[in-house]
Amino acid sequence: MKQFSWYGNSDFGKSSVLFKFKMDVSVCIVSLNSIKQLRKCLESLDAGIKPLTYEVIVIDNHSRDGTQVELKKNFKNVCLLTNFHNQGYTSEINKAMKIGTGKYKLILNPDSRLLPGSIYKLVCFIKKIKKVGIVGPLVLNKDGSFQNSCRRGIARPFSVFSYFLGLSKLYPQNKTFTGYQLNHLDIKDTSEVSGVSGSCMLIDQEVIEDIGYFDENYFAYQEDSDFCYRAIKSGWKVYYYPKSVVIHEGGNGGSNSVPFKSIFEWHRSYIIYYFKHFSKDYGIFFNAFYFLIMLGKLILSEIYFMIRR
């Protein structure tokens, strides 16, 4: 059964093998009921990327807010693939990357906006330092505050629990508790990190050829952390580069249009990540404890959402 329809200037499936590096940057976006944010995102691309050449690939997960009509009417340069149902994030961002012909793949959320020169600066940086395969910008919330999740350490259990319990906020300069979101680092300092946010992430195609694409066992969430961790284990470096600035609004469309599913997949992603990378370092009793903690947090989060709703 056909799962999608295709609209754009290229044929679906004609990716890097045939048209390798036709562009400098392939902008890869997965959308779901986020046309208001996506419109602003697309309008910011020129200022953020030029003078580099770029293409835009949008995979739409069966939005009901007029996304397809808007893109076909007002953004004719966008290559649009429309799914007939919501197929999640990870498999679809992989589709976009496979379609893309750019040397660099820009993973971008539809509710992100590029500030002038932001991606050009990332590309210049990634070219400059040997073995840097992934780089992310300084990400701001809509109100101009710093978005802590844009740079990350390794999500080992103690770091994750410190984050969940708010200890990293209570003691932002104590490295014992800030291992996940690296609160102790100055946001103005360029830093080698263990992960950057998929809200805006630039990836060298050579990394993909080395380690493959995002792990599709993740429906959504933590696929970016998993990818960065795999890249580091393969010898690549991941950097946070604050001279490049992007705004990530959040809170509209996308996962927020399917909240119960999103809460479930968010917790599930942490479980997948832990058991994939770290469970062998801990005993069976701690593994069971970790699973039960995450399951309990999932149940409480779903109940809390239902009450608030």
Protein backbone atom coordinates (compact mmCIF):
# COMPACT_ATOMS: atom_id res chain seq x y z
CA MET A 1 0.00 0.00 0.00
CA LYS A 2 1.29 3.47 -0.88
CA GLN A 3 2.27 5.38 2.27
CA PHE A 4 2.95 8.87 0.89
CA SER A 5 2.61 11.33 -1.98
CA TRP A 6 5.52 13.33 -3.42
CA TYR A 7 5.64 16.93 -4.63
CA GLY A 8 8.79 18.75 -5.67
CA ASN A 9 11.51 19.32 -8.22
CA SER A 10 13.29 15.98 -7.71
CA ASP A 11 12.19 12.38 -7.88
CA PHE A 12 11.80 10.60 -4.56
CA GLY A 13 14.63 8.18 -3.98
CA LYS A 14 17.21 9.99 -6.12
CA SER A 15 19.49 10.75 -3.23
CA SER A 16 23.20 10.88 -2.52
CA VAL A 17 24.25 8.00 -4.78
CA LEU A 18 23.19 9.72 -8.01
CA PHE A 19 23.36 13.40 -7.14
CA LYS A 20 26.02 13.53 -4.46
CA PHE A 21 26.68 16.99 -3.06
CA LYS A 22 24.58 18.87 -5.56
CA MET A 23 23.97 21.37 -2.74
CA ASP A 24 25.99 22.63 0.21
CA VAL A 25 23.15 22.07 2.68
CA SER A 26 20.04 19.90 2.68
CA VAL A 27 17.47 21.29 5.13
CA CYS A 28 15.51 18.32 6.53
CA ILE A 29 12.21 18.98 8.33
CA VAL A 30 9.42 16.74 9.63
CA SER A 31 6.13 18.56 10.21
CA LEU A 32 2.87 17.76 11.97
CA ASN A 33 0.13 20.39 12.32
CA SER A 34 2.65 23.21 12.62
CA ILE A 35 2.11 25.37 9.54
CA LYS A 36 2.25 28.70 11.43
CA GLN A 37 5.67 27.86 12.83
CA LEU A 38 6.84 26.13 9.64
CA ARG A 39 6.03 29.22 7.59
CA LYS A 40 8.27 31.38 9.77
CA CYS A 41 10.96 28.70 9.71
CA LEU A 42 11.04 28.54 5.92
CA GLU A 43 11.04 32.33 5.62
CA SER A 44 14.18 32.48 7.79
CA LEU A 45 16.25 30.06 5.72
CA ASP A 46 17.72 32.49 3.19
CA ALA A 47 19.15 34.78 5.84
CA GLY A 48 20.47 31.87 7.88
CA ILE A 49 22.14 29.86 5.11
CA LYS A 50 23.22 32.10 2.21
CA PRO A 51 25.66 32.49 0.46
CA LEU A 52 25.67 28.66 0.66
CA THR A 53 23.44 26.74 -1.73
CA TYR A 54 20.64 24.74 -0.15
CA GLU A 55 17.54 22.67 -0.75
CA VAL A 56 14.56 22.06 1.52
CA ILE A 57 12.89 18.70 2.10
CA VAL A 58 9.74 18.59 4.23
CA ILE A 59 8.16 15.30 5.28
CA ASP A 60 4.63 15.99 6.47
CA ASN A 61 3.01 13.50 8.85
CA HIS A 62 -0.58 13.87 7.61
CA SER A 63 -1.17 17.37 8.98
CA ARG A 64 -4.75 18.65 9.11
CA ASP A 65 -3.89 22.36 9.27
CA GLY A 66 -3.40 23.12 5.57
CA THR A 67 0.36 22.46 5.52
CA GLN A 68 0.35 20.73 2.14
CA VAL A 69 -1.72 23.44 0.42
CA GLU A 70 0.40 26.23 1.90
CA LEU A 71 3.69 24.69 0.83
CA LYS A 72 2.56 23.90 -2.70
CA LYS A 73 1.14 27.40 -3.12
CA ASN A 74 3.71 29.65 -1.46
CA PHE A 75 6.91 27.59 -1.11
CA LYS A 76 7.32 25.99 -4.52
CA ASN A 77 11.04 25.41 -3.98
CA VAL A 78 10.29 22.96 -1.15
CA CYS A 79 10.34 19.25 -1.91
CA LEU A 80 7.31 17.92 -0.04
CA LEU A 81 6.57 14.32 0.83
CA THR A 82 3.14 13.84 2.43
CA ASN A 83 2.42 10.75 4.52
CA PHE A 84 -1.09 9.33 4.67
CA HIS A 85 -0.79 8.87 8.45
CA ASN A 86 1.54 9.93 11.25
CA GLN A 87 4.64 7.74 10.95
CA GLY A 88 6.59 9.38 13.75
CA TYR A 89 9.69 11.51 13.61
CA THR A 90 12.79 9.34 13.32
CA SER A 91 11.95 7.26 10.25
CA GLU A 92 10.75 10.39 8.47
CA ILE A 93 13.80 12.55 9.18
CA ASN A 94 15.83 9.64 7.81
CA LYS A 95 13.76 9.79 4.62
CA ALA A 96 14.51 13.48 4.28
CA MET A 97 18.25 12.92 4.75
CA LYS A 98 18.26 10.13 2.16
CA ILE A 99 16.53 12.39 -0.34
CA GLY A 100 18.90 15.28 0.33
CA THR A 101 21.83 15.93 -2.00
CA GLY A 102 23.79 18.28 0.26
CA LYS A 103 27.24 17.75 1.74
CA TYR A 104 25.74 18.81 5.08
CA LYS A 105 22.37 17.73 6.44
CA LEU A 106 20.62 20.35 8.56
CA ILE A 107 18.15 18.69 10.92
CA LEU A 108 15.64 21.41 11.76
CA ASN A 109 12.38 21.48 13.70
CA PRO A 110 9.50 23.32 12.00
CA ASP A 111 9.20 25.62 15.04
CA SER A 112 12.84 26.74 14.77
CA ARG A 113 13.87 30.05 13.20
CA LEU A 114 17.33 30.81 11.90
CA LEU A 115 19.00 34.07 12.80
CA PRO A 116 21.07 35.71 10.04
CA GLY A 117 24.24 33.80 9.24
CA SER A 118 23.52 31.02 11.74
CA ILE A 119 23.94 28.01 9.45
CA TYR A 120 26.69 29.63 7.38
CA LYS A 121 28.65 29.97 10.63
CA LEU A 122 28.04 26.32 11.53
CA VAL A 123 29.29 25.15 8.14
CA CYS A 124 32.40 27.34 8.38
CA PHE A 125 33.09 25.93 11.86
CA ILE A 126 32.59 22.27 10.93
CA LYS A 127 34.99 22.68 8.00
CA LYS A 128 37.65 24.29 10.18
CA ILE A 129 38.23 21.65 12.87
CA LYS A 130 39.32 18.12 12.02
CA LYS A 131 36.91 15.26 12.81
CA VAL A 132 34.04 17.53 13.82
CA GLY A 133 31.07 15.71 12.33
CA ILE A 134 28.13 17.26 14.19
CA VAL A 135 27.64 20.81 15.43
CA GLY A 136 24.73 22.63 17.05
CA PRO A 137 24.07 26.32 17.69
CA LEU A 138 23.09 28.28 20.76
CA VAL A 139 19.33 27.83 20.92
CA LEU A 140 17.02 30.42 22.46
CA ASN A 141 13.45 30.10 23.64
CA LYS A 142 10.85 32.43 22.19
CA ASP A 143 11.35 34.83 25.13
CA GLY A 144 15.09 35.01 24.50
CA SER A 145 16.14 32.75 27.37
CA PHE A 146 18.70 30.00 26.85
CA GLN A 147 17.35 26.55 25.94
CA ASN A 148 19.35 24.17 28.13
CA SER A 149 18.71 21.10 26.00
CA CYS A 150 20.74 22.44 23.05
CA ARG A 151 23.97 20.95 24.46
CA ARG A 152 24.22 17.71 26.40
CA GLY A 153 26.44 15.31 28.22
CA ILE A 154 26.01 11.55 28.17
CA ALA A 155 22.63 10.51 29.58
CA ARG A 156 23.82 8.01 32.16
CA PRO A 157 21.36 7.22 34.99
CA PHE A 158 22.75 9.56 37.66
CA SER A 159 22.86 12.49 35.22
CA VAL A 160 19.32 11.76 34.03
CA PHE A 161 17.94 11.43 37.58
CA SER A 162 19.68 14.68 38.60
CA TYR A 163 17.96 16.34 35.65
CA PHE A 164 14.53 14.82 36.43
CA LEU A 165 14.76 15.77 40.12
CA GLY A 166 15.79 19.34 39.36
CA LEU A 167 19.18 19.02 41.06
CA SER A 168 20.96 20.46 38.04
CA LYS A 169 18.88 23.64 38.38
CA LEU A 170 19.41 23.85 42.13
CA TYR A 171 23.17 23.40 41.79
CA PRO A 172 24.01 24.68 38.29
CA GLN A 173 27.75 25.02 39.00
CA ASN A 174 28.15 21.58 40.56
CA LYS A 175 29.42 19.17 37.89
CA THR A 176 28.17 16.26 39.99
CA PHE A 177 24.57 17.16 39.08
CA THR A 178 24.95 18.90 35.69
CA GLY A 179 26.23 15.99 33.63
CA TYR A 180 23.19 15.88 31.33
CA GLN A 181 22.48 19.49 30.33
CA LEU A 182 25.97 20.78 31.19
CA ASN A 183 24.61 23.76 33.14
CA HIS A 184 28.08 24.47 34.56
CA LEU A 185 29.43 25.51 31.14
CA ASP A 186 29.29 29.16 30.06
CA ILE A 187 26.71 29.43 27.29
CA LYS A 188 29.07 31.79 25.41
CA ASP A 189 31.90 29.23 25.23
CA THR A 190 32.42 26.96 22.25
CA SER A 191 32.50 23.47 23.75
CA GLU A 192 33.05 19.88 22.73
CA VAL A 193 30.00 18.06 24.07
CA SER A 194 28.36 14.63 23.93
CA GLY A 195 25.20 15.76 22.17
CA VAL A 196 23.30 18.64 20.61
CA SER A 197 19.60 19.14 20.06
CA GLY A 198 17.75 17.90 17.01
CA SER A 199 15.87 21.20 16.96
CA CYS A 200 18.88 22.40 14.92
CA MET A 201 21.75 20.05 14.19
CA LEU A 202 24.24 20.16 11.31
CA ILE A 203 25.65 16.77 10.25
CA ASP A 204 28.48 16.08 7.82
CA GLN A 205 27.40 13.44 5.29
CA GLU A 206 30.63 11.57 6.04
CA VAL A 207 29.29 10.81 9.53
CA ILE A 208 26.16 9.26 8.03
CA GLU A 209 28.24 7.18 5.65
CA ASP A 210 30.26 6.00 8.64
CA ILE A 211 27.59 5.19 11.25
CA GLY A 212 24.32 5.19 9.32
CA TYR A 213 21.15 7.17 9.98
CA PHE A 214 19.09 7.79 13.11
CA ASP A 215 17.99 4.62 14.91
CA GLU A 216 14.35 4.03 13.95
CA ASN A 217 13.66 2.10 17.14
CA TYR A 218 13.02 5.59 18.49
CA PHE A 219 9.61 6.77 17.29
CA ALA A 220 10.66 10.24 18.41
CA TYR A 221 12.93 11.76 21.12
CA GLN A 222 16.48 10.78 22.10
CA GLU A 223 17.30 9.81 18.52
CA ASP A 224 19.57 12.87 18.42
CA SER A 225 21.41 11.87 21.63
CA ASP A 226 21.75 8.31 20.34
CA PHE A 227 23.16 9.51 17.01
CA CYS A 228 25.70 11.81 18.66
CA TYR A 229 26.81 9.07 21.06
CA ARG A 230 27.31 6.63 18.19
CA ALA A 231 29.29 9.25 16.27
CA ILE A 232 31.59 9.89 19.24
CA LYS A 233 32.17 6.16 19.70
CA SER A 234 33.20 6.04 16.03
CA GLY A 235 35.80 8.77 16.52
CA TRP A 236 33.87 11.90 15.51
CA LYS A 237 33.61 15.07 17.57
CA VAL A 238 30.38 16.89 18.51
CA TYR A 239 30.49 20.62 19.20
CA TYR A 240 28.26 23.34 20.60
CA TYR A 241 28.98 26.60 18.73
CA PRO A 242 27.31 29.65 20.34
CA LYS A 243 28.33 32.17 17.67
CA SER A 244 25.50 30.63 15.68
CA VAL A 245 22.08 31.42 17.18
CA VAL A 246 18.68 29.86 16.47
CA ILE A 247 15.28 30.41 18.09
CA HIS A 248 13.23 27.32 18.93
CA GLU A 249 9.66 28.18 19.92
CA GLY A 250 8.27 24.81 20.99
CA GLY A 251 4.82 24.26 22.46
CA ASN A 252 2.80 24.40 19.23
CA GLY A 253 1.78 21.73 16.75
CA GLY A 254 4.02 18.70 16.33
CA SER A 255 4.14 16.51 19.41
CA ASN A 256 1.74 18.83 21.23
CA SER A 257 -1.02 17.88 18.81
CA VAL A 258 -0.77 14.25 19.99
CA PRO A 259 0.10 14.76 23.69
CA PHE A 260 -0.61 11.30 25.15
CA LYS A 261 1.42 9.62 22.43
CA SER A 262 4.21 12.16 22.91
CA ILE A 263 4.44 11.60 26.67
CA PHE A 264 4.58 7.85 26.10
CA GLU A 265 7.26 8.06 23.41
CA TRP A 266 9.35 10.54 25.42
CA HIS A 267 9.63 8.09 28.32
CA ARG A 268 10.02 5.10 26.02
CA SER A 269 12.96 6.79 24.29
CA TYR A 270 14.89 7.10 27.56
CA ILE A 271 14.31 3.40 28.24
CA ILE A 272 15.50 2.42 24.75
CA TYR A 273 18.58 4.66 25.05
CA TYR A 274 19.55 3.28 28.45
CA PHE A 275 19.15 -0.39 27.59
CA LYS A 276 20.89 0.05 24.24
CA HIS A 277 23.99 1.79 25.57
CA PHE A 278 24.36 1.37 29.33
CA SER A 279 22.44 -1.58 30.77
CA LYS A 280 25.45 -3.87 30.35
CA ASP A 281 27.38 -1.62 32.75
CA TYR A 282 24.87 -2.18 35.56
CA GLY A 283 23.44 -5.22 37.26
CA ILE A 284 20.06 -6.83 36.60
CA PHE A 285 18.55 -5.30 39.75
CA PHE A 286 19.52 -1.74 38.78
CA ASN A 287 18.25 -2.31 35.25
CA ALA A 288 14.89 -3.41 36.68
CA PHE A 289 14.94 -0.40 39.03
CA TYR A 290 15.60 1.99 36.14
CA PHE A 291 12.78 0.49 34.09
CA LEU A 292 10.32 0.72 36.98
CA ILE A 293 11.31 4.33 37.73
CA MET A 294 10.73 5.34 34.11
CA LEU A 295 7.46 3.38 33.97
CA GLY A 296 6.25 5.05 37.18
CA LYS A 297 7.24 8.48 35.85
CA LEU A 298 5.37 7.75 32.62
CA ILE A 299 2.17 6.81 34.49
CA LEU A 300 2.37 9.87 36.75
CA SER A 301 3.04 12.16 33.76
CA GLU A 302 0.01 10.83 31.85
CA ILE A 303 -2.21 11.22 34.95
CA TYR A 304 -0.89 14.72 35.60
CA PHE A 305 -1.60 15.71 31.99
CA MET A 306 -5.15 14.32 32.20
CA ILE A 307 -5.83 16.30 35.40
CA ARG A 308 -4.44 19.53 33.96
CA ARG A 309 -6.43 19.03 30.79
